[in-house]
Amino acid sequence: MRAASLLGLLLAGLGFAYAALVVVLRLRGDIVEPRGFSALLVVVLVTAGAQLVVAGLTGEYVWRILEEVRPRPPFVIARRINAAPGKPSGATSQH
């Protein structure tokens, strides 16, 4: 999950760096590539980077929730639902 976030930040950073390079080269008149290619590449890089960052953050959030609820011991759960440990929740004692 963290790798996705880091890759997303890297892609977005590359997109912004390429955008800055294109602006500098356009002002100097050194760009010879087809018209619109630079803008398309910048948009794709930044959008893909943002999506990866959001996916990484969402995955990290879900992972932390999973880690929080996973290690619950049975006696805590049994006490919470008012049942004896080892018995199904619907079972009642015959006293």
C-alpha atoms as a PDB file:
ATOM      1  CA  MET A   1       0.000   0.000   0.000  1.00  0.00           C
ATOM      2  CA  ARG A   2       2.793   2.379   0.810  1.00  0.00           C
ATOM      3  CA  ALA A   3       4.538   1.462  -2.437  1.00  0.00           C
ATOM      4  CA  ALA A   4       1.436   2.531  -4.369  1.00  0.00           C
ATOM      5  CA  SER A   5       1.404   5.864  -2.557  1.00  0.00           C
ATOM      6  CA  LEU A   6       5.107   6.410  -3.174  1.00  0.00           C
ATOM      7  CA  LEU A   7       4.799   5.438  -6.839  1.00  0.00           C
ATOM      8  CA  GLY A   8       1.864   7.822  -7.159  1.00  0.00           C
ATOM      9  CA  LEU A   9       3.847  10.655  -5.636  1.00  0.00           C
ATOM     10  CA  LEU A  10       6.726   9.848  -7.978  1.00  0.00           C
ATOM     11  CA  LEU A  11       4.473   9.855 -11.053  1.00  0.00           C
ATOM     12  CA  ALA A  12       2.775  13.092 -10.040  1.00  0.00           C
ATOM     13  CA  GLY A  13       6.176  14.648  -9.365  1.00  0.00           C
ATOM     14  CA  LEU A  14       7.417  13.543 -12.784  1.00  0.00           C
ATOM     15  CA  GLY A  15       4.305  15.045 -14.331  1.00  0.00           C
ATOM     16  CA  PHE A  16       4.877  18.402 -12.665  1.00  0.00           C
ATOM     17  CA  ALA A  17       8.596  18.337 -13.523  1.00  0.00           C
ATOM     18  CA  TYR A  18       7.791  17.555 -17.148  1.00  0.00           C
ATOM     19  CA  ALA A  19       5.234  20.371 -17.186  1.00  0.00           C
ATOM     20  CA  ALA A  20       7.883  22.803 -15.924  1.00  0.00           C
ATOM     21  CA  LEU A  21      10.348  21.539 -18.540  1.00  0.00           C
ATOM     22  CA  VAL A  22       7.772  21.961 -21.315  1.00  0.00           C
ATOM     23  CA  VAL A  23       7.027  25.536 -20.226  1.00  0.00           C
ATOM     24  CA  VAL A  24      10.728  26.410 -20.227  1.00  0.00           C
ATOM     25  CA  LEU A  25      11.320  24.766 -23.616  1.00  0.00           C
ATOM     26  CA  ARG A  26       8.189  26.359 -25.097  1.00  0.00           C
ATOM     27  CA  LEU A  27       9.353  29.820 -23.978  1.00  0.00           C
ATOM     28  CA  ARG A  28      12.751  29.206 -25.570  1.00  0.00           C
ATOM     29  CA  GLY A  29      11.134  27.848 -28.763  1.00  0.00           C
ATOM     30  CA  ASP A  30      12.940  24.489 -28.605  1.00  0.00           C
ATOM     31  CA  ILE A  31       9.900  22.176 -28.676  1.00  0.00           C
ATOM     32  CA  VAL A  32       9.504  20.156 -31.872  1.00  0.00           C
ATOM     33  CA  GLU A  33       6.991  17.517 -30.748  1.00  0.00           C
ATOM     34  CA  PRO A  34       3.402  17.353 -32.020  1.00  0.00           C
ATOM     35  CA  ARG A  35       1.045  19.970 -30.673  1.00  0.00           C
ATOM     36  CA  GLY A  36      -0.884  18.817 -27.589  1.00  0.00           C
ATOM     37  CA  PHE A  37       1.380  15.862 -26.795  1.00  0.00           C
ATOM     38  CA  SER A  38       2.994  17.633 -23.847  1.00  0.00           C
ATOM     39  CA  ALA A  39      -0.306  18.602 -22.277  1.00  0.00           C
ATOM     40  CA  LEU A  40      -1.652  15.087 -22.719  1.00  0.00           C
ATOM     41  CA  LEU A  41       1.425  13.532 -21.135  1.00  0.00           C
ATOM     42  CA  VAL A  42       1.318  15.917 -18.181  1.00  0.00           C
ATOM     43  CA  VAL A  43      -2.379  15.247 -17.583  1.00  0.00           C
ATOM     44  CA  VAL A  44      -1.908  11.470 -17.777  1.00  0.00           C
ATOM     45  CA  LEU A  45       1.090  11.470 -15.408  1.00  0.00           C
ATOM     46  CA  VAL A  46      -0.493  13.745 -12.817  1.00  0.00           C
ATOM     47  CA  THR A  47      -3.866  11.974 -12.937  1.00  0.00           C
ATOM     48  CA  ALA A  48      -2.325   8.506 -12.678  1.00  0.00           C
ATOM     49  CA  GLY A  49      -0.151   9.703  -9.819  1.00  0.00           C
ATOM     50  CA  ALA A  50      -3.111  11.162  -7.950  1.00  0.00           C
ATOM     51  CA  GLN A  51      -5.099   7.954  -8.418  1.00  0.00           C
ATOM     52  CA  LEU A  52      -2.247   5.843  -7.087  1.00  0.00           C
ATOM     53  CA  VAL A  53      -1.850   8.101  -4.063  1.00  0.00           C
ATOM     54  CA  VAL A  54      -5.561   7.853  -3.275  1.00  0.00           C
ATOM     55  CA  ALA A  55      -5.514   4.064  -3.777  1.00  0.00           C
ATOM     56  CA  GLY A  56      -2.522   3.771  -1.468  1.00  0.00           C
ATOM     57  CA  LEU A  57      -4.136   5.914   1.217  1.00  0.00           C
ATOM     58  CA  THR A  58      -7.380   3.942   0.993  1.00  0.00           C
ATOM     59  CA  GLY A  59      -5.496   0.666   1.212  1.00  0.00           C
ATOM     60  CA  GLU A  60      -3.534   1.888   4.224  1.00  0.00           C
ATOM     61  CA  TYR A  61      -6.771   2.928   5.921  1.00  0.00           C
ATOM     62  CA  VAL A  62      -8.419  -0.454   5.289  1.00  0.00           C
ATOM     63  CA  TRP A  63      -5.238  -2.252   6.424  1.00  0.00           C
ATOM     64  CA  ARG A  64      -5.238  -0.366   9.741  1.00  0.00           C
ATOM     65  CA  ILE A  65      -8.910  -1.185  10.295  1.00  0.00           C
ATOM     66  CA  LEU A  66      -8.167  -4.865   9.618  1.00  0.00           C
ATOM     67  CA  GLU A  67      -5.261  -4.846  12.066  1.00  0.00           C
ATOM     68  CA  GLU A  68      -7.439  -3.168  14.694  1.00  0.00           C
ATOM     69  CA  VAL A  69     -10.267  -5.710  14.575  1.00  0.00           C
ATOM     70  CA  ARG A  70      -8.306  -8.902  13.870  1.00  0.00           C
ATOM     71  CA  PRO A  71      -6.584  -9.799  17.182  1.00  0.00           C
ATOM     72  CA  ARG A  72      -9.645  -9.771  19.458  1.00  0.00           C
ATOM     73  CA  PRO A  73      -9.475 -12.660  21.951  1.00  0.00           C
ATOM     74  CA  PRO A  74     -12.621 -14.829  22.241  1.00  0.00           C
ATOM     75  CA  PHE A  75     -13.247 -13.965  25.922  1.00  0.00           C
ATOM     76  CA  VAL A  76     -13.561 -10.251  25.099  1.00  0.00           C
ATOM     77  CA  ILE A  77     -16.065 -11.039  22.370  1.00  0.00           C
ATOM     78  CA  ALA A  78     -17.932 -13.476  24.655  1.00  0.00           C
ATOM     79  CA  ARG A  79     -18.158 -10.878  27.431  1.00  0.00           C
ATOM     80  CA  ARG A  80     -19.397  -8.281  24.966  1.00  0.00           C
ATOM     81  CA  ILE A  81     -22.262 -10.474  23.709  1.00  0.00           C
ATOM     82  CA  ASN A  82     -22.894 -11.980  27.160  1.00  0.00           C
ATOM     83  CA  ALA A  83     -22.116 -15.585  26.263  1.00  0.00           C
ATOM     84  CA  ALA A  84     -19.653 -18.148  27.590  1.00  0.00           C
ATOM     85  CA  PRO A  85     -16.370 -18.602  25.699  1.00  0.00           C
ATOM     86  CA  GLY A  86     -16.358 -21.570  23.371  1.00  0.00           C
ATOM     87  CA  LYS A  87     -20.153 -21.718  23.048  1.00  0.00           C
ATOM     88  CA  PRO A  88     -22.131 -20.357  20.100  1.00  0.00           C
ATOM     89  CA  SER A  89     -23.735 -16.985  20.722  1.00  0.00           C
ATOM     90  CA  GLY A  90     -27.247 -18.493  20.641  1.00  0.00           C
ATOM     91  CA  ALA A  91     -26.484 -21.163  23.264  1.00  0.00           C
ATOM     92  CA  THR A  92     -27.834 -20.678  26.768  1.00  0.00           C
ATOM     93  CA  SER A  93     -26.843 -22.515  29.914  1.00  0.00           C
ATOM     94  CA  GLN A  94     -29.266 -25.079  31.349  1.00  0.00           C
ATOM     95  CA  HIS A  95     -29.101 -24.314  35.138  1.00  0.00           C
END
